[in-house]
Amino acid sequence: MLRGLCDAEGTAEFWIRCATLLAVTGTLLLVMVFGDFDSGATLVDALRRVLFLTMTGVFVSVALISRNVWNQARPAAAARAVAAAVEAVTLARPQ
């Protein structure tokens, strides 16, 4: 989908790498800020919290990136559908 939206060579790969970097760093930031790293916390509780924050970060990142890509792709898909409909009507019309 990104290759269809991005005209220049290599731009789709750039946005894929950018999205990956945002997902990883956003998740790490959540873990570092909200992780339970007190000396009194058990290992299981700390791991549970880290896994929860990691999954939340990945889910939110993917959801936001997907929504933004879809918002860009929707007008292009609509334009293709209109062009296909116009072509179908033009071909169906007797000459």
C-alpha atoms as a PDB file:
ATOM      1  CA  MET A   1       0.000   0.000   0.000  1.00  0.00           C
ATOM      2  CA  LEU A   2       2.826   2.363   0.846  1.00  0.00           C
ATOM      3  CA  ARG A   3       4.513   1.680  -2.480  1.00  0.00           C
ATOM      4  CA  GLY A   4       1.300   2.722  -4.200  1.00  0.00           C
ATOM      5  CA  LEU A   5       1.156   5.968  -2.233  1.00  0.00           C
ATOM      6  CA  CYS A   6       4.844   6.886  -2.436  1.00  0.00           C
ATOM      7  CA  ASP A   7       6.030   7.828  -5.915  1.00  0.00           C
ATOM      8  CA  ALA A   8       9.757   8.272  -5.306  1.00  0.00           C
ATOM      9  CA  GLU A   9      12.106   5.292  -5.075  1.00  0.00           C
ATOM     10  CA  GLY A  10      12.821   4.202  -1.500  1.00  0.00           C
ATOM     11  CA  THR A  11      10.201   6.327   0.232  1.00  0.00           C
ATOM     12  CA  ALA A  12       8.007   3.371   1.213  1.00  0.00           C
ATOM     13  CA  GLU A  13      10.989   1.666   2.836  1.00  0.00           C
ATOM     14  CA  PHE A  14      11.797   4.878   4.695  1.00  0.00           C
ATOM     15  CA  TRP A  15       8.285   5.072   6.171  1.00  0.00           C
ATOM     16  CA  ILE A  16       8.327   1.384   7.100  1.00  0.00           C
ATOM     17  CA  ARG A  17      11.617   1.837   8.960  1.00  0.00           C
ATOM     18  CA  CYS A  18      10.334   5.029  10.559  1.00  0.00           C
ATOM     19  CA  ALA A  19       7.202   3.227  11.784  1.00  0.00           C
ATOM     20  CA  THR A  20       9.307   0.378  13.174  1.00  0.00           C
ATOM     21  CA  LEU A  21      11.569   2.808  14.987  1.00  0.00           C
ATOM     22  CA  LEU A  22       8.589   4.678  16.442  1.00  0.00           C
ATOM     23  CA  ALA A  23       6.981   1.437  17.634  1.00  0.00           C
ATOM     24  CA  VAL A  24      10.163   0.250  19.337  1.00  0.00           C
ATOM     25  CA  THR A  25      11.135   3.562  20.935  1.00  0.00           C
ATOM     26  CA  GLY A  26       7.580   4.319  22.011  1.00  0.00           C
ATOM     27  CA  THR A  27       7.334   0.947  23.687  1.00  0.00           C
ATOM     28  CA  LEU A  28      10.693   1.368  25.420  1.00  0.00           C
ATOM     29  CA  LEU A  29       9.633   4.794  26.629  1.00  0.00           C
ATOM     30  CA  LEU A  30       6.447   3.352  28.147  1.00  0.00           C
ATOM     31  CA  VAL A  31       8.425   0.638  29.915  1.00  0.00           C
ATOM     32  CA  MET A  32      11.025   3.062  31.231  1.00  0.00           C
ATOM     33  CA  VAL A  33       8.460   5.563  32.523  1.00  0.00           C
ATOM     34  CA  PHE A  34       5.784   3.248  33.892  1.00  0.00           C
ATOM     35  CA  GLY A  35       7.738   0.039  34.596  1.00  0.00           C
ATOM     36  CA  ASP A  36       7.746  -1.337  38.133  1.00  0.00           C
ATOM     37  CA  PHE A  37      11.435  -1.417  38.998  1.00  0.00           C
ATOM     38  CA  ASP A  38      11.208  -0.969  42.776  1.00  0.00           C
ATOM     39  CA  SER A  39      13.486  -3.124  44.888  1.00  0.00           C
ATOM     40  CA  GLY A  40      10.429  -4.592  46.645  1.00  0.00           C
ATOM     41  CA  ALA A  41       8.725  -5.726  43.416  1.00  0.00           C
ATOM     42  CA  THR A  42       8.882  -9.399  42.561  1.00  0.00           C
ATOM     43  CA  LEU A  43      10.362 -10.519  39.266  1.00  0.00           C
ATOM     44  CA  VAL A  44       7.026 -11.884  38.070  1.00  0.00           C
ATOM     45  CA  ASP A  45       5.216  -8.605  38.775  1.00  0.00           C
ATOM     46  CA  ALA A  46       7.919  -6.588  37.022  1.00  0.00           C
ATOM     47  CA  LEU A  47       7.829  -8.903  33.979  1.00  0.00           C
ATOM     48  CA  ARG A  48       4.038  -8.820  33.849  1.00  0.00           C
ATOM     49  CA  ARG A  49       4.054  -5.021  33.886  1.00  0.00           C
ATOM     50  CA  VAL A  50       6.826  -4.813  31.265  1.00  0.00           C
ATOM     51  CA  LEU A  51       4.975  -7.220  28.953  1.00  0.00           C
ATOM     52  CA  PHE A  52       1.710  -5.326  29.407  1.00  0.00           C
ATOM     53  CA  LEU A  53       3.373  -1.997  28.623  1.00  0.00           C
ATOM     54  CA  THR A  54       5.203  -3.494  25.643  1.00  0.00           C
ATOM     55  CA  MET A  55       2.047  -4.941  24.134  1.00  0.00           C
ATOM     56  CA  THR A  56       0.164  -1.694  24.776  1.00  0.00           C
ATOM     57  CA  GLY A  57       2.897   0.321  23.097  1.00  0.00           C
ATOM     58  CA  VAL A  58       3.046  -1.920  20.041  1.00  0.00           C
ATOM     59  CA  PHE A  59      -0.744  -1.990  19.704  1.00  0.00           C
ATOM     60  CA  VAL A  60      -1.116   1.781  19.988  1.00  0.00           C
ATOM     61  CA  SER A  61       1.772   2.393  17.577  1.00  0.00           C
ATOM     62  CA  VAL A  62       0.397   0.014  14.957  1.00  0.00           C
ATOM     63  CA  ALA A  63      -3.117   1.407  15.365  1.00  0.00           C
ATOM     64  CA  LEU A  64      -1.990   5.016  14.899  1.00  0.00           C
ATOM     65  CA  ILE A  65       0.274   4.245  11.965  1.00  0.00           C
ATOM     66  CA  SER A  66      -2.399   2.108  10.267  1.00  0.00           C
ATOM     67  CA  ARG A  67      -5.014   4.809  10.729  1.00  0.00           C
ATOM     68  CA  ASN A  68      -2.744   7.454   9.226  1.00  0.00           C
ATOM     69  CA  VAL A  69      -1.796   5.254   6.263  1.00  0.00           C
ATOM     70  CA  TRP A  70      -5.456   4.417   5.647  1.00  0.00           C
ATOM     71  CA  ASN A  71      -6.413   8.111   5.777  1.00  0.00           C
ATOM     72  CA  GLN A  72      -3.872   8.709   3.003  1.00  0.00           C
ATOM     73  CA  ALA A  73      -4.870   5.615   1.018  1.00  0.00           C
ATOM     74  CA  ARG A  74      -8.631   6.149   1.115  1.00  0.00           C
ATOM     75  CA  PRO A  75      -8.709   9.111  -1.352  1.00  0.00           C
ATOM     76  CA  ALA A  76      -6.395   7.252  -3.745  1.00  0.00           C
ATOM     77  CA  ALA A  77      -8.606   4.146  -3.592  1.00  0.00           C
ATOM     78  CA  ALA A  78     -11.723   6.246  -4.159  1.00  0.00           C
ATOM     79  CA  ALA A  79     -10.141   7.951  -7.169  1.00  0.00           C
ATOM     80  CA  ARG A  80      -9.233   4.554  -8.662  1.00  0.00           C
ATOM     81  CA  ALA A  81     -12.790   3.308  -8.115  1.00  0.00           C
ATOM     82  CA  VAL A  82     -14.253   6.375  -9.835  1.00  0.00           C
ATOM     83  CA  ALA A  83     -11.828   6.009 -12.743  1.00  0.00           C
ATOM     84  CA  ALA A  84     -12.740   2.323 -13.104  1.00  0.00           C
ATOM     85  CA  ALA A  85     -16.465   3.158 -13.047  1.00  0.00           C
ATOM     86  CA  VAL A  86     -16.031   5.873 -15.680  1.00  0.00           C
ATOM     87  CA  GLU A  87     -14.049   3.484 -17.868  1.00  0.00           C
ATOM     88  CA  ALA A  88     -16.700   0.770 -17.480  1.00  0.00           C
ATOM     89  CA  VAL A  89     -19.467   3.210 -18.470  1.00  0.00           C
ATOM     90  CA  THR A  90     -17.426   4.465 -21.406  1.00  0.00           C
ATOM     91  CA  LEU A  91     -16.763   0.941 -22.668  1.00  0.00           C
ATOM     92  CA  ALA A  92     -20.404  -0.124 -22.183  1.00  0.00           C
ATOM     93  CA  ARG A  93     -21.794   2.839 -24.136  1.00  0.00           C
ATOM     94  CA  PRO A  94     -22.533   1.943 -27.783  1.00  0.00           C
ATOM     95  CA  GLN A  95     -20.688   4.031 -30.312  1.00  0.00           C
END
